[in-house]
Amino acid sequence: MLTHIQRPWVLIIGLTLLMSTPVLNAQASREKQATQPSKDTPAVNLNRASAQQLQELPGIGPSTAARIIEYREKNGPFKKVEDLMHIRGIGEKTFLRLKPLVTVTPGAPARQAKGGQP
């Protein structure tokens, strides 16, 4: 049995937990939406994207973008989005975040000019 001193603390802790649940759910929902493409944003084509376009993807910096381009120049076009996991620096967690944001269409990759522009 709780004492008269313990009861208010149990009530405060319970209410705090109850009120924090919607906040945590809202935060998780925002994080999920941040990795999903909007209906207006086309998926990035791994076979045609420039380094700059690749760097706009979450978790892709200049080095990883360069490795993606190097991979497709050396091995030819990506055949499926899962091939992205062959790139050093892209593990399962990063791939799962990128999967809804990228696409692969057949065809040769675009050639880049010296300035990095297609």
PDB file of N, CA and C in Angstrom:
ATOM      1  N   MET A   1       0.841  -1.174   0.000  1.00  0.00           N
ATOM      2  CA  MET A   1       0.000   0.000   0.000  1.00  0.00           C
ATOM      3  C   MET A   1       0.893   1.247   0.000  1.00  0.00           C
ATOM      4  N   LEU A   2       0.517   2.218  -0.799  1.00  0.00           N
ATOM      5  CA  LEU A   2       1.302   3.446  -0.908  1.00  0.00           C
ATOM      6  C   LEU A   2       0.992   4.386   0.250  1.00  0.00           C
ATOM      7  N   THR A   3       2.014   5.097   0.683  1.00  0.00           N
ATOM      8  CA  THR A   3       1.811   6.084   1.744  1.00  0.00           C
ATOM      9  C   THR A   3       1.257   7.360   1.127  1.00  0.00           C
ATOM     10  N   HIS A   4       0.813   8.261   1.984  1.00  0.00           N
ATOM     11  CA  HIS A   4       0.265   9.531   1.484  1.00  0.00           C
ATOM     12  C   HIS A   4       1.340  10.364   0.788  1.00  0.00           C
ATOM     13  N   ILE A   5       2.606  10.108   1.033  1.00  0.00           N
ATOM     14  CA  ILE A   5       3.702  10.818   0.361  1.00  0.00           C
ATOM     15  C   ILE A   5       3.997  10.176  -0.998  1.00  0.00           C
ATOM     16  N   GLN A   6       3.884   8.882  -1.097  1.00  0.00           N
ATOM     17  CA  GLN A   6       4.197   8.167  -2.336  1.00  0.00           C
ATOM     18  C   GLN A   6       3.105   8.329  -3.394  1.00  0.00           C
ATOM     19  N   ARG A   7       1.848   8.432  -2.972  1.00  0.00           N
ATOM     20  CA  ARG A   7       0.729   8.510  -3.927  1.00  0.00           C
ATOM     21  C   ARG A   7       0.876   9.648  -4.939  1.00  0.00           C
ATOM     22  N   PRO A   8       1.144  10.877  -4.503  1.00  0.00           N
ATOM     23  CA  PRO A   8       1.273  11.959  -5.496  1.00  0.00           C
ATOM     24  C   PRO A   8       2.414  11.718  -6.488  1.00  0.00           C
ATOM     25  N   TRP A   9       3.516  11.129  -6.025  1.00  0.00           N
ATOM     26  CA  TRP A   9       4.646  10.873  -6.919  1.00  0.00           C
ATOM     27  C   TRP A   9       4.297   9.820  -7.960  1.00  0.00           C
ATOM     28  N   VAL A  10       3.603   8.798  -7.552  1.00  0.00           N
ATOM     29  CA  VAL A  10       3.176   7.766  -8.501  1.00  0.00           C
ATOM     30  C   VAL A  10       2.226   8.380  -9.524  1.00  0.00           C
ATOM     31  N   LEU A  11       1.326   9.235  -9.065  1.00  0.00           N
ATOM     32  CA  LEU A  11       0.392   9.906  -9.965  1.00  0.00           C
ATOM     33  C   LEU A  11       1.136  10.812 -10.952  1.00  0.00           C
ATOM     34  N   ILE A  12       2.109  11.564 -10.483  1.00  0.00           N
ATOM     35  CA  ILE A  12       2.891  12.460 -11.348  1.00  0.00           C
ATOM     36  C   ILE A  12       3.664  11.657 -12.392  1.00  0.00           C
ATOM     37  N   ILE A  13       4.307  10.592 -11.966  1.00  0.00           N
ATOM     38  CA  ILE A  13       5.069   9.759 -12.904  1.00  0.00           C
ATOM     39  C   ILE A  13       4.144   9.135 -13.939  1.00  0.00           C
ATOM     40  N   GLY A  14       3.012   8.629 -13.497  1.00  0.00           N
ATOM     41  CA  GLY A  14       2.051   8.023 -14.426  1.00  0.00           C
ATOM     42  C   GLY A  14       1.533   9.022 -15.446  1.00  0.00           C
ATOM     43  N   LEU A  15       1.177  10.215 -14.988  1.00  0.00           N
ATOM     44  CA  LEU A  15       0.686  11.243 -15.911  1.00  0.00           C
ATOM     45  C   LEU A  15       1.771  11.686 -16.884  1.00  0.00           C
ATOM     46  N   THR A  16       3.002  11.783 -16.408  1.00  0.00           N
ATOM     47  CA  THR A  16       4.113  12.165 -17.284  1.00  0.00           C
ATOM     48  C   THR A  16       4.294  11.142 -18.396  1.00  0.00           C
ATOM     49  N   LEU A  17       4.276   9.873 -18.047  1.00  0.00           N
ATOM     50  CA  LEU A  17       4.403   8.818 -19.061  1.00  0.00           C
ATOM     51  C   LEU A  17       3.236   8.847 -20.039  1.00  0.00           C
ATOM     52  N   LEU A  18       2.043   9.040 -19.508  1.00  0.00           N
ATOM     53  CA  LEU A  18       0.853   9.065 -20.356  1.00  0.00           C
ATOM     54  C   LEU A  18       0.885  10.239 -21.331  1.00  0.00           C
ATOM     55  N   MET A  19       1.352  11.392 -20.870  1.00  0.00           N
ATOM     56  CA  MET A  19       1.367  12.578 -21.726  1.00  0.00           C
ATOM     57  C   MET A  19       2.528  12.571 -22.709  1.00  0.00           C
ATOM     58  N   SER A  20       3.603  11.849 -22.423  1.00  0.00           N
ATOM     59  CA  SER A  20       4.746  11.842 -23.338  1.00  0.00           C
ATOM     60  C   SER A  20       4.546  10.895 -24.513  1.00  0.00           C
ATOM     61  N   THR A  21       3.659   9.947 -24.422  1.00  0.00           N
ATOM     62  CA  THR A  21       3.434   8.984 -25.502  1.00  0.00           C
ATOM     63  C   THR A  21       3.023   9.656 -26.810  1.00  0.00           C
ATOM     64  N   PRO A  22       2.042  10.575 -26.829  1.00  0.00           N
ATOM     65  CA  PRO A  22       1.702  11.227 -28.109  1.00  0.00           C
ATOM     66  C   PRO A  22       2.859  12.034 -28.690  1.00  0.00           C
ATOM     67  N   VAL A  23       3.677  12.635 -27.836  1.00  0.00           N
ATOM     68  CA  VAL A  23       4.824  13.414 -28.314  1.00  0.00           C
ATOM     69  C   VAL A  23       5.818  12.493 -29.005  1.00  0.00           C
ATOM     70  N   LEU A  24       6.110  11.350 -28.402  1.00  0.00           N
ATOM     71  CA  LEU A  24       7.042  10.401 -29.000  1.00  0.00           C
ATOM     72  C   LEU A  24       6.491   9.839 -30.306  1.00  0.00           C
ATOM     73  N   ASN A  25       5.190   9.555 -30.350  1.00  0.00           N
ATOM     74  CA  ASN A  25       4.577   9.054 -31.582  1.00  0.00           C
ATOM     75  C   ASN A  25       4.629  10.098 -32.692  1.00  0.00           C
ATOM     76  N   ALA A  26       4.401  11.353 -32.355  1.00  0.00           N
ATOM     77  CA  ALA A  26       4.455  12.421 -33.356  1.00  0.00           C
ATOM     78  C   ALA A  26       5.867  12.576 -33.899  1.00  0.00           C
ATOM     79  N   GLN A  27       6.861  12.476 -33.025  1.00  0.00           N
ATOM     80  CA  GLN A  27       8.253  12.593 -33.467  1.00  0.00           C
ATOM     81  C   GLN A  27       8.610  11.441 -34.400  1.00  0.00           C
ATOM     82  N   ALA A  28       8.213  10.233 -34.076  1.00  0.00           N
ATOM     83  CA  ALA A  28       8.494   9.078 -34.931  1.00  0.00           C
ATOM     84  C   ALA A  28       7.805   9.233 -36.280  1.00  0.00           C
ATOM     85  N   SER A  29       6.600   9.774 -36.285  1.00  0.00           N
ATOM     86  CA  SER A  29       5.870   9.984 -37.533  1.00  0.00           C
ATOM     87  C   SER A  29       6.577  11.010 -38.415  1.00  0.00           C
ATOM     88  N   ARG A  30       7.081  12.095 -37.811  1.00  0.00           N
ATOM     89  CA  ARG A  30       7.807  13.116 -38.581  1.00  0.00           C
ATOM     90  C   ARG A  30       9.078  12.539 -39.178  1.00  0.00           C
ATOM     91  N   GLU A  31       9.793  11.717 -38.416  1.00  0.00           N
ATOM     92  CA  GLU A  31      11.020  11.108 -38.927  1.00  0.00           C
ATOM     93  C   GLU A  31      10.716  10.171 -40.087  1.00  0.00           C
ATOM     94  N   LYS A  32       9.627   9.435 -40.003  1.00  0.00           N
ATOM     95  CA  LYS A  32       9.247   8.522 -41.082  1.00  0.00           C
ATOM     96  C   LYS A  32       8.883   9.307 -42.340  1.00  0.00           C
ATOM     97  N   GLN A  33       8.138  10.402 -42.174  1.00  0.00           N
ATOM     98  CA  GLN A  33       7.745  11.214 -43.322  1.00  0.00           C
ATOM     99  C   GLN A  33       8.949  11.874 -43.973  1.00  0.00           C
ATOM    100  N   ALA A  34       9.977  12.181 -43.202  1.00  0.00           N
ATOM    101  CA  ALA A  34      11.168  12.845 -43.742  1.00  0.00           C
ATOM    102  C   ALA A  34      11.910  11.956 -44.723  1.00  0.00           C
ATOM    103  N   THR A  35      11.776  10.638 -44.584  1.00  0.00           N
ATOM    104  CA  THR A  35      12.487   9.734 -45.484  1.00  0.00           C
ATOM    105  C   THR A  35      11.617   9.243 -46.623  1.00  0.00           C
ATOM    106  N   GLN A  36      10.350   9.632 -46.651  1.00  0.00           N
ATOM    107  CA  GLN A  36       9.477   9.218 -47.734  1.00  0.00           C
ATOM    108  C   GLN A  36       9.356  10.349 -48.747  1.00  0.00           C
ATOM    109  N   PRO A  37       9.415  10.020 -50.024  1.00  0.00           N
ATOM    110  CA  PRO A  37       9.300  11.078 -51.025  1.00  0.00           C
ATOM    111  C   PRO A  37       7.889  11.643 -51.042  1.00  0.00           C
ATOM    112  N   SER A  38       7.793  12.941 -51.290  1.00  0.00           N
ATOM    113  CA  SER A  38       6.470  13.516 -51.453  1.00  0.00           C
ATOM    114  C   SER A  38       5.971  13.155 -52.847  1.00  0.00           C
ATOM    115  N   LYS A  39       4.687  13.343 -53.063  1.00  0.00           N
ATOM    116  CA  LYS A  39       4.113  13.001 -54.368  1.00  0.00           C
ATOM    117  C   LYS A  39       4.675  13.886 -55.479  1.00  0.00           C
ATOM    118  N   ASP A  40       5.173  15.074 -55.103  1.00  0.00           N
ATOM    119  CA  ASP A  40       5.711  16.003 -56.093  1.00  0.00           C
ATOM    120  C   ASP A  40       7.196  15.765 -56.379  1.00  0.00           C
ATOM    121  N   THR A  41       7.867  15.003 -55.525  1.00  0.00           N
ATOM    122  CA  THR A  41       9.301  14.780 -55.675  1.00  0.00           C
ATOM    123  C   THR A  41       9.554  13.467 -56.391  1.00  0.00           C
ATOM    124  N   PRO A  42      10.133  13.527 -57.590  1.00  0.00           N
ATOM    125  CA  PRO A  42      10.429  12.268 -58.285  1.00  0.00           C
ATOM    126  C   PRO A  42      11.594  11.554 -57.611  1.00  0.00           C
ATOM    127  N   ALA A  43      11.587  10.239 -57.711  1.00  0.00           N
ATOM    128  CA  ALA A  43      12.688   9.455 -57.156  1.00  0.00           C
ATOM    129  C   ALA A  43      13.962   9.742 -57.954  1.00  0.00           C
ATOM    130  N   VAL A  44      15.091   9.663 -57.286  1.00  0.00           N
ATOM    131  CA  VAL A  44      16.388   9.901 -57.925  1.00  0.00           C
ATOM    132  C   VAL A  44      16.794   8.636 -58.674  1.00  0.00           C
ATOM    133  N   ASN A  45      17.073   8.783 -59.960  1.00  0.00           N
ATOM    134  CA  ASN A  45      17.491   7.656 -60.789  1.00  0.00           C
ATOM    135  C   ASN A  45      18.984   7.428 -60.575  1.00  0.00           C
ATOM    136  N   LEU A  46      19.320   6.288 -59.988  1.00  0.00           N
ATOM    137  CA  LEU A  46      20.724   5.996 -59.687  1.00  0.00           C
ATOM    138  C   LEU A  46      21.595   5.924 -60.934  1.00  0.00           C
ATOM    139  N   ASN A  47      21.012   5.639 -62.088  1.00  0.00           N
ATOM    140  CA  ASN A  47      21.786   5.523 -63.322  1.00  0.00           C
ATOM    141  C   ASN A  47      22.004   6.855 -64.022  1.00  0.00           C
ATOM    142  N   ARG A  48      21.322   7.896 -63.606  1.00  0.00           N
ATOM    143  CA  ARG A  48      21.431   9.177 -64.300  1.00  0.00           C
ATOM    144  C   ARG A  48      21.757  10.349 -63.379  1.00  0.00           C
ATOM    145  N   ALA A  49      21.694  10.148 -62.079  1.00  0.00           N
ATOM    146  CA  ALA A  49      21.863  11.252 -61.131  1.00  0.00           C
ATOM    147  C   ALA A  49      23.294  11.775 -61.116  1.00  0.00           C
ATOM    148  N   SER A  50      23.401  13.088 -61.010  1.00  0.00           N
ATOM    149  CA  SER A  50      24.714  13.724 -60.852  1.00  0.00           C
ATOM    150  C   SER A  50      25.146  13.582 -59.396  1.00  0.00           C
ATOM    151  N   ALA A  51      26.394  13.903 -59.128  1.00  0.00           N
ATOM    152  CA  ALA A  51      26.896  13.860 -57.750  1.00  0.00           C
ATOM    153  C   ALA A  51      26.076  14.791 -56.860  1.00  0.00           C
ATOM    154  N   GLN A  52      25.730  15.952 -57.382  1.00  0.00           N
ATOM    155  CA  GLN A  52      24.949  16.918 -56.613  1.00  0.00           C
ATOM    156  C   GLN A  52      23.569  16.356 -56.277  1.00  0.00           C
ATOM    157  N   GLN A  53      22.912  15.719 -57.240  1.00  0.00           N
ATOM    158  CA  GLN A  53      21.595  15.126 -56.986  1.00  0.00           C
ATOM    159  C   GLN A  53      21.691  14.004 -55.955  1.00  0.00           C
ATOM    160  N   LEU A  54      22.732  13.208 -56.036  1.00  0.00           N
ATOM    161  CA  LEU A  54      22.910  12.118 -55.076  1.00  0.00           C
ATOM    162  C   LEU A  54      23.135  12.663 -53.667  1.00  0.00           C
ATOM    163  N   GLN A  55      23.852  13.775 -53.561  1.00  0.00           N
ATOM    164  CA  GLN A  55      24.137  14.358 -52.252  1.00  0.00           C
ATOM    165  C   GLN A  55      22.900  14.945 -51.589  1.00  0.00           C
ATOM    166  N   GLU A  56      21.840  15.146 -52.339  1.00  0.00           N
ATOM    167  CA  GLU A  56      20.598  15.636 -51.750  1.00  0.00           C
ATOM    168  C   GLU A  56      19.857  14.531 -51.007  1.00  0.00           C
ATOM    169  N   LEU A  57      20.273  13.289 -51.207  1.00  0.00           N
ATOM    170  CA  LEU A  57      19.663  12.160 -50.508  1.00  0.00           C
ATOM    171  C   LEU A  57      20.195  12.099 -49.078  1.00  0.00           C
ATOM    172  N   PRO A  58      19.365  11.682 -48.117  1.00  0.00           N
ATOM    173  CA  PRO A  58      19.831  11.613 -46.730  1.00  0.00           C
ATOM    174  C   PRO A  58      20.936  10.580 -46.558  1.00  0.00           C
ATOM    175  N   GLY A  59      22.013  10.987 -45.912  1.00  0.00           N
ATOM    176  CA  GLY A  59      23.119  10.079 -45.641  1.00  0.00           C
ATOM    177  C   GLY A  59      24.136   9.955 -46.759  1.00  0.00           C
ATOM    178  N   ILE A  60      23.940  10.698 -47.852  1.00  0.00           N
ATOM    179  CA  ILE A  60      24.878  10.642 -48.981  1.00  0.00           C
ATOM    180  C   ILE A  60      25.657  11.950 -49.034  1.00  0.00           C
ATOM    181  N   GLY A  61      26.945  11.851 -48.775  1.00  0.00           N
ATOM    182  CA  GLY A  61      27.826  13.008 -48.855  1.00  0.00           C
ATOM    183  C   GLY A  61      28.647  12.944 -50.130  1.00  0.00           C
ATOM    184  N   PRO A  62      29.598  13.848 -50.288  1.00  0.00           N
ATOM    185  CA  PRO A  62      30.409  13.878 -51.511  1.00  0.00           C
ATOM    186  C   PRO A  62      31.163  12.576 -51.784  1.00  0.00           C
ATOM    187  N   SER A  63      31.725  11.963 -50.747  1.00  0.00           N
ATOM    188  CA  SER A  63      32.498  10.728 -50.944  1.00  0.00           C
ATOM    189  C   SER A  63      31.616   9.579 -51.409  1.00  0.00           C
ATOM    190  N   THR A  64      30.467   9.417 -50.768  1.00  0.00           N
ATOM    191  CA  THR A  64      29.568   8.326 -51.147  1.00  0.00           C
ATOM    192  C   THR A  64      28.989   8.566 -52.533  1.00  0.00           C
ATOM    193  N   ALA A  65      28.649   9.813 -52.842  1.00  0.00           N
ATOM    194  CA  ALA A  65      28.144  10.132 -54.181  1.00  0.00           C
ATOM    195  C   ALA A  65      29.193   9.776 -55.232  1.00  0.00           C
ATOM    196  N   ALA A  66      30.449  10.096 -54.950  1.00  0.00           N
ATOM    197  CA  ALA A  66      31.531   9.766 -55.888  1.00  0.00           C
ATOM    198  C   ALA A  66      31.663   8.252 -56.050  1.00  0.00           C
ATOM    199  N   ARG A  67      31.504   7.509 -54.960  1.00  0.00           N
ATOM    200  CA  ARG A  67      31.592   6.043 -55.047  1.00  0.00           C
ATOM    201  C   ARG A  67      30.435   5.456 -55.854  1.00  0.00           C
ATOM    202  N   ILE A  68      29.247   6.048 -55.742  1.00  0.00           N
ATOM    203  CA  ILE A  68      28.098   5.578 -56.528  1.00  0.00           C
ATOM    204  C   ILE A  68      28.379   5.781 -58.015  1.00  0.00           C
ATOM    205  N   ILE A  69      28.865   6.952 -58.375  1.00  0.00           N
ATOM    206  CA  ILE A  69      29.169   7.251 -59.777  1.00  0.00           C
ATOM    207  C   ILE A  69      30.301   6.362 -60.274  1.00  0.00           C
ATOM    208  N   GLU A  70      31.326   6.179 -59.456  1.00  0.00           N
ATOM    209  CA  GLU A  70      32.444   5.313 -59.828  1.00  0.00           C
ATOM    210  C   GLU A  70      31.960   3.873 -60.052  1.00  0.00           C
ATOM    211  N   TYR A  71      31.070   3.406 -59.195  1.00  0.00           N
ATOM    212  CA  TYR A  71      30.538   2.045 -59.319  1.00  0.00           C
ATOM    213  C   TYR A  71      29.801   1.870 -60.651  1.00  0.00           C
ATOM    214  N   ARG A  72      28.940   2.836 -60.990  1.00  0.00           N
ATOM    215  CA  ARG A  72      28.163   2.668 -62.229  1.00  0.00           C
ATOM    216  C   ARG A  72      29.034   2.847 -63.466  1.00  0.00           C
ATOM    217  N   GLU A  73      30.101   3.653 -63.380  1.00  0.00           N
ATOM    218  CA  GLU A  73      31.016   3.785 -64.519  1.00  0.00           C
ATOM    219  C   GLU A  73      31.830   2.507 -64.713  1.00  0.00           C
ATOM    220  N   LYS A  74      32.190   1.862 -63.623  1.00  0.00           N
ATOM    221  CA  LYS A  74      33.000   0.651 -63.683  1.00  0.00           C
ATOM    222  C   LYS A  74      32.160  -0.589 -64.017  1.00  0.00           C
ATOM    223  N   ASN A  75      30.960  -0.685 -63.448  1.00  0.00           N
ATOM    224  CA  ASN A  75      30.137  -1.891 -63.569  1.00  0.00           C
ATOM    225  C   ASN A  75      28.948  -1.754 -64.511  1.00  0.00           C
ATOM    226  N   GLY A  76      28.729  -0.575 -65.050  1.00  0.00           N
ATOM    227  CA  GLY A  76      27.555  -0.347 -65.880  1.00  0.00           C
ATOM    228  C   GLY A  76      26.380   0.087 -65.019  1.00  0.00           C
ATOM    229  N   PRO A  77      25.232   0.289 -65.641  1.00  0.00           N
ATOM    230  CA  PRO A  77      24.068   0.800 -64.912  1.00  0.00           C
ATOM    231  C   PRO A  77      23.634  -0.140 -63.785  1.00  0.00           C
ATOM    232  N   PHE A  78      23.074   0.453 -62.747  1.00  0.00           N
ATOM    233  CA  PHE A  78      22.473  -0.339 -61.682  1.00  0.00           C
ATOM    234  C   PHE A  78      21.304  -1.120 -62.275  1.00  0.00           C
ATOM    235  N   LYS A  79      21.188  -2.376 -61.929  1.00  0.00           N
ATOM    236  CA  LYS A  79      20.085  -3.202 -62.426  1.00  0.00           C
ATOM    237  C   LYS A  79      18.893  -3.179 -61.476  1.00  0.00           C
ATOM    238  N   LYS A  80      19.163  -2.999 -60.205  1.00  0.00           N
ATOM    239  CA  LYS A  80      18.107  -2.906 -59.188  1.00  0.00           C
ATOM    240  C   LYS A  80      18.615  -2.011 -58.058  1.00  0.00           C
ATOM    241  N   VAL A  81      17.682  -1.417 -57.326  1.00  0.00           N
ATOM    242  CA  VAL A  81      18.082  -0.484 -56.270  1.00  0.00           C
ATOM    243  C   VAL A  81      18.898  -1.182 -55.182  1.00  0.00           C
ATOM    244  N   GLU A  82      18.692  -2.465 -54.996  1.00  0.00           N
ATOM    245  CA  GLU A  82      19.452  -3.213 -53.989  1.00  0.00           C
ATOM    246  C   GLU A  82      20.952  -3.232 -54.292  1.00  0.00           C
ATOM    247  N   ASP A  83      21.333  -3.018 -55.558  1.00  0.00           N
ATOM    248  CA  ASP A  83      22.756  -2.954 -55.923  1.00  0.00           C
ATOM    249  C   ASP A  83      23.466  -1.816 -55.194  1.00  0.00           C
ATOM    250  N   LEU A  84      22.710  -0.871 -54.703  1.00  0.00           N
ATOM    251  CA  LEU A  84      23.274   0.257 -53.964  1.00  0.00           C
ATOM    252  C   LEU A  84      24.045  -0.227 -52.730  1.00  0.00           C
ATOM    253  N   MET A  85      23.686  -1.389 -52.210  1.00  0.00           N
ATOM    254  CA  MET A  85      24.369  -1.906 -51.022  1.00  0.00           C
ATOM    255  C   MET A  85      25.772  -2.425 -51.339  1.00  0.00           C
ATOM    256  N   HIS A  86      26.148  -2.459 -52.618  1.00  0.00           N
ATOM    257  CA  HIS A  86      27.516  -2.817 -52.992  1.00  0.00           C
ATOM    258  C   HIS A  86      28.472  -1.642 -52.767  1.00  0.00           C
ATOM    259  N   ILE A  87      27.923  -0.467 -52.529  1.00  0.00           N
ATOM    260  CA  ILE A  87      28.728   0.739 -52.347  1.00  0.00           C
ATOM    261  C   ILE A  87      29.232   0.795 -50.904  1.00  0.00           C
ATOM    262  N   ARG A  88      30.545   0.974 -50.745  1.00  0.00           N
ATOM    263  CA  ARG A  88      31.111   1.121 -49.404  1.00  0.00           C
ATOM    264  C   ARG A  88      30.488   2.345 -48.740  1.00  0.00           C
ATOM    265  N   GLY A  89      30.028   2.173 -47.519  1.00  0.00           N
ATOM    266  CA  GLY A  89      29.401   3.270 -46.791  1.00  0.00           C
ATOM    267  C   GLY A  89      27.887   3.205 -46.798  1.00  0.00           C
ATOM    268  N   ILE A  90      27.321   2.306 -47.598  1.00  0.00           N
ATOM    269  CA  ILE A  90      25.867   2.142 -47.620  1.00  0.00           C
ATOM    270  C   ILE A  90      25.545   0.752 -47.093  1.00  0.00           C
ATOM    271  N   GLY A  91      25.119   0.729 -45.851  1.00  0.00           N
ATOM    272  CA  GLY A  91      24.718  -0.523 -45.223  1.00  0.00           C
ATOM    273  C   GLY A  91      23.213  -0.682 -45.295  1.00  0.00           C
ATOM    274  N   GLU A  92      22.723  -1.668 -44.593  1.00  0.00           N
ATOM    275  CA  GLU A  92      21.291  -1.968 -44.640  1.00  0.00           C
ATOM    276  C   GLU A  92      20.446  -0.812 -44.115  1.00  0.00           C
ATOM    277  N   LYS A  93      20.885  -0.187 -43.026  1.00  0.00           N
ATOM    278  CA  LYS A  93      20.112   0.908 -42.434  1.00  0.00           C
ATOM    279  C   LYS A  93      19.999   2.090 -43.405  1.00  0.00           C
ATOM    280  N   THR A  94      21.117   2.478 -43.987  1.00  0.00           N
ATOM    281  CA  THR A  94      21.101   3.582 -44.951  1.00  0.00           C
ATOM    282  C   THR A  94      20.289   3.203 -46.177  1.00  0.00           C
ATOM    283  N   PHE A  95      20.466   1.965 -46.652  1.00  0.00           N
ATOM    284  CA  PHE A  95      19.721   1.521 -47.826  1.00  0.00           C
ATOM    285  C   PHE A  95      18.215   1.590 -47.579  1.00  0.00           C
ATOM    286  N   LEU A  96      17.751   1.128 -46.431  1.00  0.00           N
ATOM    287  CA  LEU A  96      16.316   1.141 -46.141  1.00  0.00           C
ATOM    288  C   LEU A  96      15.773   2.563 -46.100  1.00  0.00           C
ATOM    289  N   ARG A  97      16.609   3.521 -45.680  1.00  0.00           N
ATOM    290  CA  ARG A  97      16.191   4.921 -45.674  1.00  0.00           C
ATOM    291  C   ARG A  97      16.140   5.477 -47.098  1.00  0.00           C
ATOM    292  N   LEU A  98      17.051   4.997 -47.959  1.00  0.00           N
ATOM    293  CA  LEU A  98      17.129   5.502 -49.333  1.00  0.00           C
ATOM    294  C   LEU A  98      16.151   4.823 -50.288  1.00  0.00           C
ATOM    295  N   LYS A  99      15.790   3.587 -50.017  1.00  0.00           N
ATOM    296  CA  LYS A  99      15.008   2.782 -50.960  1.00  0.00           C
ATOM    297  C   LYS A  99      13.775   3.494 -51.519  1.00  0.00           C
ATOM    298  N   PRO A 100      12.959   4.166 -50.689  1.00  0.00           N
ATOM    299  CA  PRO A 100      11.792   4.840 -51.270  1.00  0.00           C
ATOM    300  C   PRO A 100      12.132   6.112 -52.047  1.00  0.00           C
ATOM    301  N   LEU A 101      13.383   6.548 -51.967  1.00  0.00           N
ATOM    302  CA  LEU A 101      13.783   7.810 -52.591  1.00  0.00           C
ATOM    303  C   LEU A 101      14.513   7.635 -53.914  1.00  0.00           C
ATOM    304  N   VAL A 102      14.875   6.387 -54.243  1.00  0.00           N
ATOM    305  CA  VAL A 102      15.667   6.140 -55.450  1.00  0.00           C
ATOM    306  C   VAL A 102      14.953   5.164 -56.374  1.00  0.00           C
ATOM    307  N   THR A 103      15.376   5.199 -57.627  1.00  0.00           N
ATOM    308  CA  THR A 103      14.842   4.284 -58.622  1.00  0.00           C
ATOM    309  C   THR A 103      15.965   3.904 -59.570  1.00  0.00           C
ATOM    310  N   VAL A 104      15.709   2.876 -60.343  1.00  0.00           N
ATOM    311  CA  VAL A 104      16.661   2.425 -61.356  1.00  0.00           C
ATOM    312  C   VAL A 104      15.868   2.213 -62.630  1.00  0.00           C
ATOM    313  N   THR A 105      16.289   2.882 -63.696  1.00  0.00           N
ATOM    314  CA  THR A 105      15.673   2.637 -64.994  1.00  0.00           C
ATOM    315  C   THR A 105      16.763   2.177 -65.938  1.00  0.00           C
ATOM    316  N   PRO A 106      16.418   1.320 -66.855  1.00  0.00           N
ATOM    317  CA  PRO A 106      17.433   0.812 -67.777  1.00  0.00           C
ATOM    318  C   PRO A 106      18.051   1.932 -68.595  1.00  0.00           C
ATOM    319  N   GLY A 107      19.233   1.679 -69.053  1.00  0.00           N
ATOM    320  CA  GLY A 107      19.899   2.650 -69.917  1.00  0.00           C
ATOM    321  C   GLY A 107      21.250   3.025 -69.371  1.00  0.00           C
ATOM    322  N   ALA A 108      22.029   3.596 -70.226  1.00  0.00           N
ATOM    323  CA  ALA A 108      23.381   3.994 -69.851  1.00  0.00           C
ATOM    324  C   ALA A 108      23.331   5.209 -68.943  1.00  0.00           C
ATOM    325  N   PRO A 109      24.256   5.296 -68.013  1.00  0.00           N
ATOM    326  CA  PRO A 109      24.304   6.477 -67.156  1.00  0.00           C
ATOM    327  C   PRO A 109      24.701   7.710 -67.950  1.00  0.00           C
ATOM    328  N   ALA A 110      24.264   8.845 -67.471  1.00  0.00           N
ATOM    329  CA  ALA A 110      24.607  10.108 -68.127  1.00  0.00           C
ATOM    330  C   ALA A 110      26.084  10.395 -67.941  1.00  0.00           C
ATOM    331  N   ARG A 111      26.715  10.945 -68.943  1.00  0.00           N
ATOM    332  CA  ARG A 111      28.122  11.350 -68.849  1.00  0.00           C
ATOM    333  C   ARG A 111      28.177  12.692 -68.141  1.00  0.00           C
ATOM    334  N   GLN A 112      29.201  12.868 -67.325  1.00  0.00           N
ATOM    335  CA  GLN A 112      29.356  14.135 -66.630  1.00  0.00           C
ATOM    336  C   GLN A 112      30.436  14.970 -67.287  1.00  0.00           C
ATOM    337  N   ALA A 113      30.165  16.274 -67.354  1.00  0.00           N
ATOM    338  CA  ALA A 113      31.174  17.202 -67.852  1.00  0.00           C
ATOM    339  C   ALA A 113      32.216  17.404 -66.761  1.00  0.00           C
ATOM    340  N   LYS A 114      33.319  18.059 -67.087  1.00  0.00           N
ATOM    341  CA  LYS A 114      34.389  18.256 -66.111  1.00  0.00           C
ATOM    342  C   LYS A 114      33.916  19.020 -64.887  1.00  0.00           C
ATOM    343  N   GLY A 115      32.962  19.891 -65.023  1.00  0.00           N
ATOM    344  CA  GLY A 115      32.461  20.669 -63.890  1.00  0.00           C
ATOM    345  C   GLY A 115      31.515  19.882 -63.011  1.00  0.00           C
ATOM    346  N   GLY A 116      31.268  18.607 -63.309  1.00  0.00           N
ATOM    347  CA  GLY A 116      30.379  17.789 -62.503  1.00  0.00           C
ATOM    348  C   GLY A 116      28.933  17.889 -62.930  1.00  0.00           C
ATOM    349  N   GLN A 117      28.662  18.649 -63.997  1.00  0.00           N
ATOM    350  CA  GLN A 117      27.292  18.783 -64.480  1.00  0.00           C
ATOM    351  C   GLN A 117      27.044  17.789 -65.599  1.00  0.00           C
ATOM    352  N   PRO A 118      25.846  17.179 -65.641  1.00  0.00           N
ATOM    353  CA  PRO A 118      25.562  16.227 -66.726  1.00  0.00           C
ATOM    354  C   PRO A 118      25.442  16.895 -68.071  1.00  0.00           C
TER     355      PRO A 118
END
